Every structure is written in C-alpha cells, then in structure tokens.
C-alpha cells in the first residue's frame, strides 16, 4: 500500500508538471497571458529581452531554488525541487522540439480557457502530492519568514503585479485576459484539489452489523467504527456503523448495504478533508 501510494504521488507530480508546461508553452506564452508566477515573469522578460520565455523560466526557478536553500533550508523540500526543475526542463525542451511563433488559434477566450484549465489541473496535481512547482511560492515563504508577511497575501500581490504588467509589455487585451486568468485560476485550483480529495462519510444504522462491517473491511479495505444505538420511536436496539470511502466506492457500498439490510438507515455526506490511515497523512 505504501509503495503504491508513493508511485501514485510520483505519477501525479510528473503528469502535473507535463500539464503545467503544456499549458504555459502552448497557450500562455504565445498569447502574452501573464497570469502570475514564474511563467508570467518569464513571458514578460522573454518579450523584452533576447532570451526565450522557456529559458527565463528555467533561470528564475533555479535562482529561486538556490535562495530557498539559503534562506529556508530543508523547508524548500526535495519534491518541490524535483517538480520545479522538471517543469522548467519540459517547457524549455518544448521550445526546442515544437517551436511556435504565435497563438494556435484566433480565439483568445478559447486559448485562455485551455491555459487556465491545464495549468490549474497541473498545479492541483502537484499540490495534492505535497509539493509545489517552486517559483513565487518560494519567494512568498521567504517573505513570510523574514518580513512576517502572510503567504497568501504575498503571492496574490506578486501575481497581481505580474498580471497587470501585461498592460505595459503587451497590450490592453493581454492585460485584461491576464487579470481574468489570474482570478479564475485561484478558484479552479481549489476546486480541482477538492475534487481529487473528495470522500464519502457513511453512517449506517442497521441490524446486520457483522455482514456490513465484513464487506467494508474485506472488500473495500476500509476500517469501521461501531456503536450500539436505540431508536427512540421503535425502542429497537441497532448498530451504528461509521466509515469513510473513496467517491468511486460510495455507490458500490450504498447498494451493497441496501442488499444486505433493506431496512437500514443510511446517511452519506461529502468531505474533502479526511486525514488518517488510507487517506491523507497531513
């Protein structure tokens, strides 16, 4: 189980970096969408210097990682270093392998949608693996440690300045799209992370405790907590079973409980914050 979880996290990090790089290279950079972060700064600098945006992303992420080790030490994290370098490398390689000179279509709204969707999903997959793509995240942590500035506010301030810079470096259209993308991404990343972590919390009141508990433990691999309860109206003694399962397992469990005990009473709630064995560790 531990090896499987580690493999899935590594897969999530790698796929997240790929999606992030594709969204940045094919949709953000050609359109001048500077929706914050190192990719936004790289897009700006790539337009006003002879160095390409992909190279700037590599340089900036590398520099920020060095600063992270100097000022934060181990807080920077091996997984963040890995994701930062992998994402930078993929973006740089795409410039060499698939060179493009402008937007893929003449539909800026469509390209903004793909830019935000791909980078948001990629970022969410990386965050969900307890890592980050580095960049301005590291800068914000340094500011928090030495200037007592809130990380969220610091990141928002930096990203807003980067997005607004598109008005000066590119044009009004690019600036408006960049600001729109900045705010849209914040909501989408949170939504994607919640959807990744969504679980179902079951409370089952039943007279078939052993059969239902055995099914949950043996077939779904989840633990159960049981307690004896009495219905105030019927005065019947029954068992209350508590368990949590993945979203994909919820329908299976609900149907099986109804098969075992048609008279059972089931309460199902949704949660994206389940911490413990078999779910998130932190």
C-alpha atoms as a PDB file:
ATOM      1  CA  UNK A   1       0.000   0.000   0.000  1.00  0.00           C
ATOM      2  CA  UNK A   2       2.825   2.417   0.929  1.00  0.00           C
ATOM      3  CA  UNK A   3       4.712   1.652  -2.303  1.00  0.00           C
ATOM      4  CA  UNK A   4       1.506   2.107  -4.311  1.00  0.00           C
ATOM      5  CA  UNK A   5       0.837   5.496  -2.703  1.00  0.00           C
ATOM      6  CA  UNK A   6       4.399   6.641  -3.393  1.00  0.00           C
ATOM      7  CA  UNK A   7       4.118   5.555  -7.026  1.00  0.00           C
ATOM      8  CA  UNK A   8       0.782   7.365  -7.441  1.00  0.00           C
ATOM      9  CA  UNK A   9       2.233  10.540  -5.921  1.00  0.00           C
ATOM     10  CA  UNK A  10       5.233  10.378  -8.235  1.00  0.00           C
ATOM     11  CA  UNK A  11       2.907   9.801 -11.192  1.00  0.00           C
ATOM     12  CA  UNK A  12       0.764  12.762 -10.103  1.00  0.00           C
ATOM     13  CA  UNK A  13       3.811  15.013  -9.818  1.00  0.00           C
ATOM     14  CA  UNK A  14       5.148  14.026 -13.240  1.00  0.00           C
ATOM     15  CA  UNK A  15       1.797  14.344 -15.002  1.00  0.00           C
ATOM     16  CA  UNK A  16       1.138  17.625 -13.206  1.00  0.00           C
ATOM     17  CA  UNK A  17       4.458  19.047 -14.440  1.00  0.00           C
ATOM     18  CA  UNK A  18       3.674  17.948 -18.005  1.00  0.00           C
ATOM     19  CA  UNK A  19       0.221  19.577 -17.972  1.00  0.00           C
ATOM     20  CA  UNK A  20       1.649  22.729 -16.414  1.00  0.00           C
ATOM     21  CA  UNK A  21       4.363  23.004 -19.059  1.00  0.00           C
ATOM     22  CA  UNK A  22       1.928  22.350 -21.941  1.00  0.00           C
ATOM     23  CA  UNK A  23      -0.494  24.984 -20.668  1.00  0.00           C
ATOM     24  CA  UNK A  24       2.284  27.550 -20.263  1.00  0.00           C
ATOM     25  CA  UNK A  25       4.126  26.905 -23.517  1.00  0.00           C
ATOM     26  CA  UNK A  26       1.261  26.385 -25.969  1.00  0.00           C
ATOM     27  CA  UNK A  27      -1.306  28.795 -24.539  1.00  0.00           C
ATOM     28  CA  UNK A  28       0.090  31.305 -22.039  1.00  0.00           C
ATOM     29  CA  UNK A  29       3.353  32.388 -23.668  1.00  0.00           C
ATOM     30  CA  UNK A  30       2.098  32.834 -27.292  1.00  0.00           C
ATOM     31  CA  UNK A  31      -0.819  34.989 -26.134  1.00  0.00           C
ATOM     32  CA  UNK A  32       1.051  37.028 -23.545  1.00  0.00           C
ATOM     33  CA  UNK A  33      -1.133  35.705 -20.716  1.00  0.00           C
ATOM     34  CA  UNK A  34       0.918  36.674 -17.661  1.00  0.00           C
ATOM     35  CA  UNK A  35      -1.358  35.208 -15.004  1.00  0.00           C
ATOM     36  CA  UNK A  36       1.256  35.479 -12.266  1.00  0.00           C
ATOM     37  CA  UNK A  37       4.071  33.226 -11.125  1.00  0.00           C
ATOM     38  CA  UNK A  38       7.411  32.497 -12.734  1.00  0.00           C
ATOM     39  CA  UNK A  39       5.739  31.601 -16.033  1.00  0.00           C
ATOM     40  CA  UNK A  40       4.213  35.084 -16.139  1.00  0.00           C
ATOM     41  CA  UNK A  41       7.522  36.773 -15.327  1.00  0.00           C
ATOM     42  CA  UNK A  42       9.267  34.580 -17.914  1.00  0.00           C
ATOM     43  CA  UNK A  43       6.685  35.538 -20.540  1.00  0.00           C
ATOM     44  CA  UNK A  44       7.245  39.236 -19.802  1.00  0.00           C
ATOM     45  CA  UNK A  45      11.039  39.003 -19.845  1.00  0.00           C
ATOM     46  CA  UNK A  46      11.012  36.839 -22.963  1.00  0.00           C
ATOM     47  CA  UNK A  47       9.183  39.601 -24.800  1.00  0.00           C
ATOM     48  CA  UNK A  48      11.577  42.409 -23.824  1.00  0.00           C
ATOM     49  CA  UNK A  49      14.894  40.512 -23.998  1.00  0.00           C
ATOM     50  CA  UNK A  50      16.627  38.195 -26.443  1.00  0.00           C
ATOM     51  CA  UNK A  51      16.292  35.245 -24.037  1.00  0.00           C
ATOM     52  CA  UNK A  52      13.292  32.949 -24.626  1.00  0.00           C
ATOM     53  CA  UNK A  53      10.469  32.621 -22.036  1.00  0.00           C
ATOM     54  CA  UNK A  54      11.316  28.933 -21.508  1.00  0.00           C
ATOM     55  CA  UNK A  55      14.923  29.800 -20.707  1.00  0.00           C
ATOM     56  CA  UNK A  56      13.785  32.558 -18.329  1.00  0.00           C
ATOM     57  CA  UNK A  57      11.500  30.099 -16.516  1.00  0.00           C
ATOM     58  CA  UNK A  58      14.460  27.755 -16.093  1.00  0.00           C
ATOM     59  CA  UNK A  59      16.737  30.573 -14.860  1.00  0.00           C
ATOM     60  CA  UNK A  60      14.195  32.071 -12.469  1.00  0.00           C
ATOM     61  CA  UNK A  61      13.160  28.749 -10.945  1.00  0.00           C
ATOM     62  CA  UNK A  62      16.806  27.781 -10.497  1.00  0.00           C
ATOM     63  CA  UNK A  63      17.638  31.100  -8.838  1.00  0.00           C
ATOM     64  CA  UNK A  64      14.629  30.884  -6.515  1.00  0.00           C
ATOM     65  CA  UNK A  65      15.537  27.324  -5.531  1.00  0.00           C
ATOM     66  CA  UNK A  66      19.034  28.499  -4.568  1.00  0.00           C
ATOM     67  CA  UNK A  67      17.501  31.316  -2.492  1.00  0.00           C
ATOM     68  CA  UNK A  68      15.136  28.781  -0.959  1.00  0.00           C
ATOM     69  CA  UNK A  69      18.003  26.582   0.205  1.00  0.00           C
ATOM     70  CA  UNK A  70      19.903  29.596   1.540  1.00  0.00           C
ATOM     71  CA  UNK A  71      17.010  31.182   3.454  1.00  0.00           C
ATOM     72  CA  UNK A  72      14.663  28.248   4.096  1.00  0.00           C
ATOM     73  CA  UNK A  73      16.939  25.214   4.187  1.00  0.00           C
ATOM     74  CA  UNK A  74      15.095  21.896   4.122  1.00  0.00           C
ATOM     75  CA  UNK A  75      11.764  23.713   4.101  1.00  0.00           C
ATOM     76  CA  UNK A  76      12.229  24.032   0.337  1.00  0.00           C
ATOM     77  CA  UNK A  77      11.646  20.281   0.013  1.00  0.00           C
ATOM     78  CA  UNK A  78      13.050  17.663  -2.343  1.00  0.00           C
ATOM     79  CA  UNK A  79       9.722  17.204  -4.142  1.00  0.00           C
ATOM     80  CA  UNK A  80       9.460  20.933  -4.816  1.00  0.00           C
ATOM     81  CA  UNK A  81      12.988  20.959  -6.243  1.00  0.00           C
ATOM     82  CA  UNK A  82      12.114  17.986  -8.441  1.00  0.00           C
ATOM     83  CA  UNK A  83       8.847  19.492  -9.735  1.00  0.00           C
ATOM     84  CA  UNK A  84      10.385  22.910 -10.299  1.00  0.00           C
ATOM     85  CA  UNK A  85      13.263  21.532 -12.358  1.00  0.00           C
ATOM     86  CA  UNK A  86      11.105  19.044 -14.279  1.00  0.00           C
ATOM     87  CA  UNK A  87       8.511  21.683 -15.196  1.00  0.00           C
ATOM     88  CA  UNK A  88      11.251  24.119 -16.285  1.00  0.00           C
ATOM     89  CA  UNK A  89      13.021  21.435 -18.313  1.00  0.00           C
ATOM     90  CA  UNK A  90       9.843  20.347 -20.133  1.00  0.00           C
ATOM     91  CA  UNK A  91       8.961  23.948 -21.025  1.00  0.00           C
ATOM     92  CA  UNK A  92      12.490  24.591 -22.294  1.00  0.00           C
ATOM     93  CA  UNK A  93      12.513  21.355 -24.331  1.00  0.00           C
ATOM     94  CA  UNK A  94       9.145  22.167 -25.910  1.00  0.00           C
ATOM     95  CA  UNK A  95      10.656  25.413 -27.207  1.00  0.00           C
ATOM     96  CA  UNK A  96      13.367  23.410 -28.945  1.00  0.00           C
ATOM     97  CA  UNK A  97      11.259  20.497 -30.170  1.00  0.00           C
ATOM     98  CA  UNK A  98       7.992  22.253 -31.105  1.00  0.00           C
ATOM     99  CA  UNK A  99       8.807  25.894 -31.914  1.00  0.00           C
ATOM    100  CA  UNK A 100       5.764  28.165 -32.324  1.00  0.00           C
ATOM    101  CA  UNK A 101       5.658  31.834 -33.294  1.00  0.00           C
ATOM    102  CA  UNK A 102       2.193  32.860 -32.158  1.00  0.00           C
ATOM    103  CA  UNK A 103      -1.192  31.721 -30.850  1.00  0.00           C
ATOM    104  CA  UNK A 104      -2.501  28.384 -32.089  1.00  0.00           C
ATOM    105  CA  UNK A 105      -5.912  29.877 -32.971  1.00  0.00           C
ATOM    106  CA  UNK A 106      -7.553  33.259 -33.411  1.00  0.00           C
ATOM    107  CA  UNK A 107      -9.812  32.606 -30.383  1.00  0.00           C
ATOM    108  CA  UNK A 108      -8.196  34.217 -27.301  1.00  0.00           C
ATOM    109  CA  UNK A 109     -11.027  33.150 -24.966  1.00  0.00           C
ATOM    110  CA  UNK A 110     -10.589  29.528 -26.039  1.00  0.00           C
ATOM    111  CA  UNK A 111      -6.832  29.709 -25.534  1.00  0.00           C
ATOM    112  CA  UNK A 112      -7.238  31.374 -22.131  1.00  0.00           C
ATOM    113  CA  UNK A 113      -9.619  28.575 -21.118  1.00  0.00           C
ATOM    114  CA  UNK A 114      -7.045  25.926 -22.046  1.00  0.00           C
ATOM    115  CA  UNK A 115      -4.231  27.907 -20.438  1.00  0.00           C
ATOM    116  CA  UNK A 116      -6.102  28.160 -17.140  1.00  0.00           C
ATOM    117  CA  UNK A 117      -7.535  24.632 -17.229  1.00  0.00           C
ATOM    118  CA  UNK A 118      -4.248  22.859 -17.983  1.00  0.00           C
ATOM    119  CA  UNK A 119      -2.133  24.888 -15.565  1.00  0.00           C
ATOM    120  CA  UNK A 120      -4.772  24.669 -12.819  1.00  0.00           C
ATOM    121  CA  UNK A 121      -5.107  20.896 -13.089  1.00  0.00           C
ATOM    122  CA  UNK A 122      -1.322  20.518 -13.286  1.00  0.00           C
ATOM    123  CA  UNK A 123      -0.772  22.746 -10.244  1.00  0.00           C
ATOM    124  CA  UNK A 124      -3.511  20.945  -8.298  1.00  0.00           C
ATOM    125  CA  UNK A 125      -1.954  17.538  -9.028  1.00  0.00           C
ATOM    126  CA  UNK A 126       1.414  18.810  -7.809  1.00  0.00           C
ATOM    127  CA  UNK A 127      -0.062  20.438  -4.676  1.00  0.00           C
ATOM    128  CA  UNK A 128      -2.031  17.273  -3.955  1.00  0.00           C
ATOM    129  CA  UNK A 129       1.259  15.360  -3.887  1.00  0.00           C
ATOM    130  CA  UNK A 130       2.504  17.667  -1.091  1.00  0.00           C
ATOM    131  CA  UNK A 131       4.830  19.531  -3.453  1.00  0.00           C
ATOM    132  CA  UNK A 132       4.808  22.728  -5.494  1.00  0.00           C
ATOM    133  CA  UNK A 133       6.302  23.931  -8.756  1.00  0.00           C
ATOM    134  CA  UNK A 134       8.554  26.310  -6.809  1.00  0.00           C
ATOM    135  CA  UNK A 135       8.827  29.786  -8.263  1.00  0.00           C
ATOM    136  CA  UNK A 136       6.977  32.544  -6.436  1.00  0.00           C
ATOM    137  CA  UNK A 137       5.832  30.032  -3.785  1.00  0.00           C
ATOM    138  CA  UNK A 138       9.422  30.030  -2.503  1.00  0.00           C
ATOM    139  CA  UNK A 139       9.650  33.815  -2.659  1.00  0.00           C
ATOM    140  CA  UNK A 140       6.437  34.089  -0.613  1.00  0.00           C
ATOM    141  CA  UNK A 141       7.758  31.669   2.039  1.00  0.00           C
ATOM    142  CA  UNK A 142      10.951  33.721   2.352  1.00  0.00           C
ATOM    143  CA  UNK A 143       8.914  36.911   2.787  1.00  0.00           C
ATOM    144  CA  UNK A 144       6.750  35.217   5.390  1.00  0.00           C
ATOM    145  CA  UNK A 145       9.762  34.047   7.380  1.00  0.00           C
ATOM    146  CA  UNK A 146      11.758  37.268   7.371  1.00  0.00           C
ATOM    147  CA  UNK A 147       9.193  40.020   6.793  1.00  0.00           C
ATOM    148  CA  UNK A 148       6.238  38.479   8.675  1.00  0.00           C
ATOM    149  CA  UNK A 149       4.044  38.752   5.591  1.00  0.00           C
ATOM    150  CA  UNK A 150       1.128  36.355   5.079  1.00  0.00           C
ATOM    151  CA  UNK A 151       1.952  33.839   2.298  1.00  0.00           C
ATOM    152  CA  UNK A 152      -1.449  34.092   0.627  1.00  0.00           C
ATOM    153  CA  UNK A 153      -1.361  37.879   0.519  1.00  0.00           C
ATOM    154  CA  UNK A 154       2.254  37.922  -0.669  1.00  0.00           C
ATOM    155  CA  UNK A 155       1.515  35.509  -3.508  1.00  0.00           C
ATOM    156  CA  UNK A 156      -1.583  37.438  -4.554  1.00  0.00           C
ATOM    157  CA  UNK A 157       0.320  40.734  -4.536  1.00  0.00           C
ATOM    158  CA  UNK A 158       3.191  39.333  -6.650  1.00  0.00           C
ATOM    159  CA  UNK A 159       0.847  37.612  -9.097  1.00  0.00           C
ATOM    160  CA  UNK A 160      -1.307  40.733  -9.457  1.00  0.00           C
ATOM    161  CA  UNK A 161       1.714  42.891 -10.319  1.00  0.00           C
ATOM    162  CA  UNK A 162       2.923  40.318 -12.859  1.00  0.00           C
ATOM    163  CA  UNK A 163      -0.521  40.033 -14.480  1.00  0.00           C
ATOM    164  CA  UNK A 164      -1.007  43.806 -14.582  1.00  0.00           C
ATOM    165  CA  UNK A 165       2.402  44.224 -16.246  1.00  0.00           C
ATOM    166  CA  UNK A 166       0.913  42.717 -19.405  1.00  0.00           C
ATOM    167  CA  UNK A 167      -0.848  46.058 -19.978  1.00  0.00           C
ATOM    168  CA  UNK A 168       2.560  47.720 -20.392  1.00  0.00           C
ATOM    169  CA  UNK A 169       4.595  44.973 -22.042  1.00  0.00           C
ATOM    170  CA  UNK A 170       1.932  43.656 -24.428  1.00  0.00           C
ATOM    171  CA  UNK A 171      -1.412  45.449 -24.807  1.00  0.00           C
ATOM    172  CA  UNK A 172      -4.741  46.112 -23.102  1.00  0.00           C
ATOM    173  CA  UNK A 173      -6.267  42.864 -24.364  1.00  0.00           C
ATOM    174  CA  UNK A 174      -3.409  40.766 -22.973  1.00  0.00           C
ATOM    175  CA  UNK A 175      -3.626  42.645 -19.663  1.00  0.00           C
ATOM    176  CA  UNK A 176      -7.360  42.101 -19.305  1.00  0.00           C
ATOM    177  CA  UNK A 177      -7.069  38.422 -20.165  1.00  0.00           C
ATOM    178  CA  UNK A 178      -4.163  38.034 -17.714  1.00  0.00           C
ATOM    179  CA  UNK A 179      -6.125  39.535 -14.821  1.00  0.00           C
ATOM    180  CA  UNK A 180      -9.162  37.424 -15.689  1.00  0.00           C
ATOM    181  CA  UNK A 181      -6.992  34.306 -15.832  1.00  0.00           C
ATOM    182  CA  UNK A 182      -5.328  35.144 -12.508  1.00  0.00           C
ATOM    183  CA  UNK A 183      -8.618  35.233 -10.599  1.00  0.00           C
ATOM    184  CA  UNK A 184     -10.130  32.280 -12.481  1.00  0.00           C
ATOM    185  CA  UNK A 185      -7.112  30.078 -11.735  1.00  0.00           C
ATOM    186  CA  UNK A 186      -7.388  30.676  -7.985  1.00  0.00           C
ATOM    187  CA  UNK A 187     -10.926  29.255  -7.912  1.00  0.00           C
ATOM    188  CA  UNK A 188     -10.212  26.396 -10.313  1.00  0.00           C
ATOM    189  CA  UNK A 189      -7.123  25.136  -8.459  1.00  0.00           C
ATOM    190  CA  UNK A 190      -9.063  24.969  -5.176  1.00  0.00           C
ATOM    191  CA  UNK A 191     -11.949  23.197  -6.914  1.00  0.00           C
ATOM    192  CA  UNK A 192      -9.706  20.624  -8.569  1.00  0.00           C
ATOM    193  CA  UNK A 193      -7.849  19.863  -5.334  1.00  0.00           C
ATOM    194  CA  UNK A 194     -11.156  19.347  -3.530  1.00  0.00           C
ATOM    195  CA  UNK A 195     -12.413  17.044  -6.283  1.00  0.00           C
ATOM    196  CA  UNK A 196      -9.217  14.952  -6.021  1.00  0.00           C
ATOM    197  CA  UNK A 197      -9.687  14.537  -2.275  1.00  0.00           C
ATOM    198  CA  UNK A 198     -13.456  14.108  -2.176  1.00  0.00           C
ATOM    199  CA  UNK A 199     -14.530  11.191   0.013  1.00  0.00           C
ATOM    200  CA  UNK A 200     -17.867   9.940   1.308  1.00  0.00           C
ATOM    201  CA  UNK A 201     -18.611   9.606   5.012  1.00  0.00           C
ATOM    202  CA  UNK A 202     -21.187   6.892   5.760  1.00  0.00           C
ATOM    203  CA  UNK A 203     -23.334   6.490   8.862  1.00  0.00           C
ATOM    204  CA  UNK A 204     -25.316   3.260   8.645  1.00  0.00           C
ATOM    205  CA  UNK A 205     -27.883   2.256  11.249  1.00  0.00           C
ATOM    206  CA  UNK A 206     -28.541  -1.454  10.835  1.00  0.00           C
ATOM    207  CA  UNK A 207     -29.351  -4.768  12.469  1.00  0.00           C
ATOM    208  CA  UNK A 208     -26.798  -6.575  10.234  1.00  0.00           C
ATOM    209  CA  UNK A 209     -23.587  -5.277  11.794  1.00  0.00           C
ATOM    210  CA  UNK A 210     -21.310  -8.227  11.072  1.00  0.00           C
ATOM    211  CA  UNK A 211     -22.238  -8.627   7.396  1.00  0.00           C
ATOM    212  CA  UNK A 212     -21.912  -4.928   6.557  1.00  0.00           C
ATOM    213  CA  UNK A 213     -18.706  -4.448   8.583  1.00  0.00           C
ATOM    214  CA  UNK A 214     -17.129  -7.502   6.976  1.00  0.00           C
ATOM    215  CA  UNK A 215     -17.963  -6.233   3.492  1.00  0.00           C
ATOM    216  CA  UNK A 216     -16.415  -2.818   4.190  1.00  0.00           C
ATOM    217  CA  UNK A 217     -13.223  -4.244   5.690  1.00  0.00           C
ATOM    218  CA  UNK A 218     -12.695  -7.205   3.367  1.00  0.00           C
ATOM    219  CA  UNK A 219     -13.955  -5.854   0.016  1.00  0.00           C
ATOM    220  CA  UNK A 220     -13.221  -2.124   0.293  1.00  0.00           C
ATOM    221  CA  UNK A 221     -10.252  -2.294   2.648  1.00  0.00           C
ATOM    222  CA  UNK A 222     -11.527   0.423   4.989  1.00  0.00           C
ATOM    223  CA  UNK A 223     -11.938   0.416   8.738  1.00  0.00           C
ATOM    224  CA  UNK A 224     -15.233   0.788  10.590  1.00  0.00           C
ATOM    225  CA  UNK A 225     -16.311   2.204  13.931  1.00  0.00           C
ATOM    226  CA  UNK A 226     -19.428   0.751  15.536  1.00  0.00           C
ATOM    227  CA  UNK A 227     -21.633   1.729  18.446  1.00  0.00           C
ATOM    228  CA  UNK A 228     -24.900   0.441  19.866  1.00  0.00           C
ATOM    229  CA  UNK A 229     -27.908   2.721  19.480  1.00  0.00           C
ATOM    230  CA  UNK A 230     -31.598   2.589  20.370  1.00  0.00           C
ATOM    231  CA  UNK A 231     -34.362   4.078  18.245  1.00  0.00           C
ATOM    232  CA  UNK A 232     -36.440   6.340  20.477  1.00  0.00           C
ATOM    233  CA  UNK A 233     -39.621   5.693  18.473  1.00  0.00           C
ATOM    234  CA  UNK A 234     -39.329   1.915  17.973  1.00  0.00           C
ATOM    235  CA  UNK A 235     -37.204   1.182  21.082  1.00  0.00           C
ATOM    236  CA  UNK A 236     -35.244  -1.293  18.929  1.00  0.00           C
ATOM    237  CA  UNK A 237     -31.543  -1.832  19.563  1.00  0.00           C
ATOM    238  CA  UNK A 238     -29.400  -1.472  16.456  1.00  0.00           C
ATOM    239  CA  UNK A 239     -25.805  -0.787  15.461  1.00  0.00           C
ATOM    240  CA  UNK A 240     -24.470   2.480  14.085  1.00  0.00           C
ATOM    241  CA  UNK A 241     -21.568   1.951  11.653  1.00  0.00           C
ATOM    242  CA  UNK A 242     -19.232   4.797  10.715  1.00  0.00           C
ATOM    243  CA  UNK A 243     -16.857   4.539   7.761  1.00  0.00           C
ATOM    244  CA  UNK A 244     -15.239   6.656   5.052  1.00  0.00           C
ATOM    245  CA  UNK A 245     -14.625   5.553   1.470  1.00  0.00           C
ATOM    246  CA  UNK A 246     -13.467   6.954  -1.842  1.00  0.00           C
ATOM    247  CA  UNK A 247     -16.031   8.607  -4.085  1.00  0.00           C
ATOM    248  CA  UNK A 248     -15.870   5.760  -6.627  1.00  0.00           C
ATOM    249  CA  UNK A 249     -16.608   3.227  -3.874  1.00  0.00           C
ATOM    250  CA  UNK A 250     -19.620   5.073  -2.468  1.00  0.00           C
ATOM    251  CA  UNK A 251     -22.254   3.773  -4.895  1.00  0.00           C
ATOM    252  CA  UNK A 252     -20.960   0.233  -4.517  1.00  0.00           C
ATOM    253  CA  UNK A 253     -21.150   0.463  -0.721  1.00  0.00           C
ATOM    254  CA  UNK A 254     -24.587   2.081  -0.720  1.00  0.00           C
ATOM    255  CA  UNK A 255     -26.040  -0.612  -2.994  1.00  0.00           C
ATOM    256  CA  UNK A 256     -24.430  -3.419  -1.007  1.00  0.00           C
ATOM    257  CA  UNK A 257     -25.755  -2.098   2.302  1.00  0.00           C
ATOM    258  CA  UNK A 258     -29.269  -1.951   0.836  1.00  0.00           C
ATOM    259  CA  UNK A 259     -28.907  -5.547  -0.391  1.00  0.00           C
ATOM    260  CA  UNK A 260     -27.753  -6.820   2.991  1.00  0.00           C
ATOM    261  CA  UNK A 261     -30.275  -4.848   5.031  1.00  0.00           C
ATOM    262  CA  UNK A 262     -33.144  -3.233   3.086  1.00  0.00           C
ATOM    263  CA  UNK A 263     -34.387  -1.686   6.324  1.00  0.00           C
ATOM    264  CA  UNK A 264     -31.131   0.076   7.127  1.00  0.00           C
ATOM    265  CA  UNK A 265     -30.934   3.848   7.559  1.00  0.00           C
ATOM    266  CA  UNK A 266     -28.035   5.451   5.658  1.00  0.00           C
ATOM    267  CA  UNK A 267     -26.602   8.959   5.939  1.00  0.00           C
ATOM    268  CA  UNK A 268     -23.972   9.929   3.332  1.00  0.00           C
ATOM    269  CA  UNK A 269     -22.038  13.195   3.450  1.00  0.00           C
ATOM    270  CA  UNK A 270     -19.220  14.565   1.290  1.00  0.00           C
ATOM    271  CA  UNK A 271     -15.859  15.676   2.632  1.00  0.00           C
ATOM    272  CA  UNK A 272     -12.584  16.740   1.028  1.00  0.00           C
ATOM    273  CA  UNK A 273     -10.619  16.702   4.295  1.00  0.00           C
ATOM    274  CA  UNK A 274     -10.142  13.147   5.534  1.00  0.00           C
ATOM    275  CA  UNK A 275      -6.840  12.690   7.360  1.00  0.00           C
ATOM    276  CA  UNK A 276      -5.692   9.312   8.565  1.00  0.00           C
ATOM    277  CA  UNK A 277      -4.691   5.835   7.528  1.00  0.00           C
ATOM    278  CA  UNK A 278      -5.776   5.035   3.982  1.00  0.00           C
ATOM    279  CA  UNK A 279      -6.369   8.700   3.137  1.00  0.00           C
ATOM    280  CA  UNK A 280      -4.234  11.844   3.538  1.00  0.00           C
ATOM    281  CA  UNK A 281      -1.389  11.827   6.043  1.00  0.00           C
ATOM    282  CA  UNK A 282      -1.477  15.602   6.699  1.00  0.00           C
END
